[in-house]
Amino acid sequence: MSGGIAYAALFSIAAALTIAFTVGLALLGGNVELRDAFLATIDGWLPGIVGDDALLKPDLLRLSAGSGVAGAVAAGVFVWSASAFMGALGAGLRAMLDASTPRGRQLPGLVRTWAGFLGLGVALALSTVATVGATRLTAFAGQWATQTAGYVVSFLVDGATFAFVVLVVAGARPPRKDLLIGAASVAAIFGAVRFLGVGVVATSGSSNPLLAPFAVLVTLLVWINLLARVTLLVTAWVADPKVEIPLPGGNVGGAVRVGDTVRRPTGPWTPAVHDLLDHVGHAGLDSVPRVIGRDAQGREVLTYLPGSPVDLTATTPGQLRAAAAWVGRYHRAVVGFAPGTRRWRFVERDLRSGEIVCHHDSTIYNMLFDGDRLTGVIDWDVSGPGVPLDDLAILAWSGLPLYPERPDGEVLARLGVLLEGYAEGLAQEDGRVGRRRRTSWWRRLTSRGPRLEAPTARELLEHVVVRMTAATDRIAAAQDAGDEGMLNLRKVDEPARTRDQLATYRDERLPGLLARLLEAR
């Protein structure tokens, strides 16, 4: 495959260099120092090709197409010829990707090709300017410092160029850590090859009697083949398909861990959920997965969050407080979020007065902890319009909890912890207690979001019935509509199990809890 890339480069390099020189020298004007640096940069990438004593003379690499139809055709031929190399490189890079490699937005092939050339042009310009800067540095810092600066600049430009072609030309979205390691590896190898390999390649070509007349072309082919081989091998490592590990917990199913990412099935609601995650991420909300994209199987790709799910029977007051505080911070982050009419998992509509985009599954078992410290909140797929009390009610249902037989006194004590934590979260900004968000009077006046405040204990306990009734009805409706994820809940007898527990809570448990609240006044 690297041989095919080198072969394509051989036939497109003259056209590509002609375009580069026409544009580059036009921008440089009559600056001799920049022109020499430009030629030196080209020679570093393609040794022996361009120069006064090289195969191609700089003054001949000028696009001088005439006017009219003939000129337009000539320019088009140059553009088409120059695209062969980048097209072959893109095809090779994409062949290194696996079905599990996250993909970004897929651009048309021609757009990817010329975006790649534009990126190389920017890299060439940066190298040229850096070369001039390093030369002028010699007078102040000496030759050693100049050489070191040159190596550092080349390392950064090579690494950035590799990352650019992987992201744009190949259209991949590998994990950030893997991409950075790959970019650094390519930059280091390219630097070593430039320092050691050019002379070896040129000598091997000129010392062969059969190849000596074509030494420059042979050197070019071997050189590009070597660089292409390095690029493809490192890309294959960056996009290396990791072992898929099914994630424990959850009944909807389908979530797996691949390296430092999580892959989950998608649906018509996924774009709206991704917009929500992008919004809260930009707002600085902690413990939220970052959207990377989709893999070739169409699954969403999110960052993997550290931590462990809790044992429901051993949930500590500290964990409950941390969970409620996060819900408060989340509500602060989304109170101004107005996505318009969107398709969510259970509804398709705009927000109504007093509503926000709720998580809608902020149960304690969808939260990850390290001790009492919250480290992650997962399962965002049922997010959608609702009132803030909805999220707090489902947390109370699962976190106090309200469905198993726990003594009423303990439930009410934990309810107090939950409400205190939520109030703390509402008072936090970017995770810092006591620094309230400064909101202009105009924003407060025009905001469509509700006024956020902690509910009373009675309001929360009563709203649990409303919230959990709506949850079971939505699950049943989605099952009737054929939602595969919701159908998986039937394996654990949902929503029938929750409906039975809710009936017991509504008819037997709730009256006793409300009575104890009255006695405590």
Foldseek 3Di string as FASTA:
>chain_A
DLLQLLVLCLQLVLLLQLVLLQVVCVVVDPDPLLVVLLVVLVCLQQPQDEDPPGVDDSVVSYQDQDDDPRSVVVNVVSVVSNLRNLLVLLVLLLVLADLQFFFDDDDDLVVLSVVLSVLVSVLSSQSSVQLSVLVVCCVPPNDVVSVVSNLVSQLVSQLVSLLCCVCRSNRTQFPPVLSNVLSNVLSVVSSVCSVPPLVVQLVVQCVDVVRNVVSSSSSSSVSSSVSSVSSSVSSSVRNPWADWAFDDDDQLDAWTDTPQKIWHADDQAVVVLLVLLVQLVVQLQAQGWHWRHAGNVRTTITGHWDADQDDLVPDDLLLLLQLLLSLLLSCVSFLQPWPAFGDAPQDTGTEDFAKTFHLLQSASRQWGDDVSHTTHGDDSRRTGIDHSLLNLLNNCCRRLNQQDDDDLVSSVVSLVSSLVSNQQSNQDGSPDGPNRDDDDPVCVVPGRHHDDDRDDSLVSLVCNLVNLVVVQVSLVVVVVVPPSSSVSVVVVPPPVVVVVSSVCCVPPVSVVSVVVVVVVD
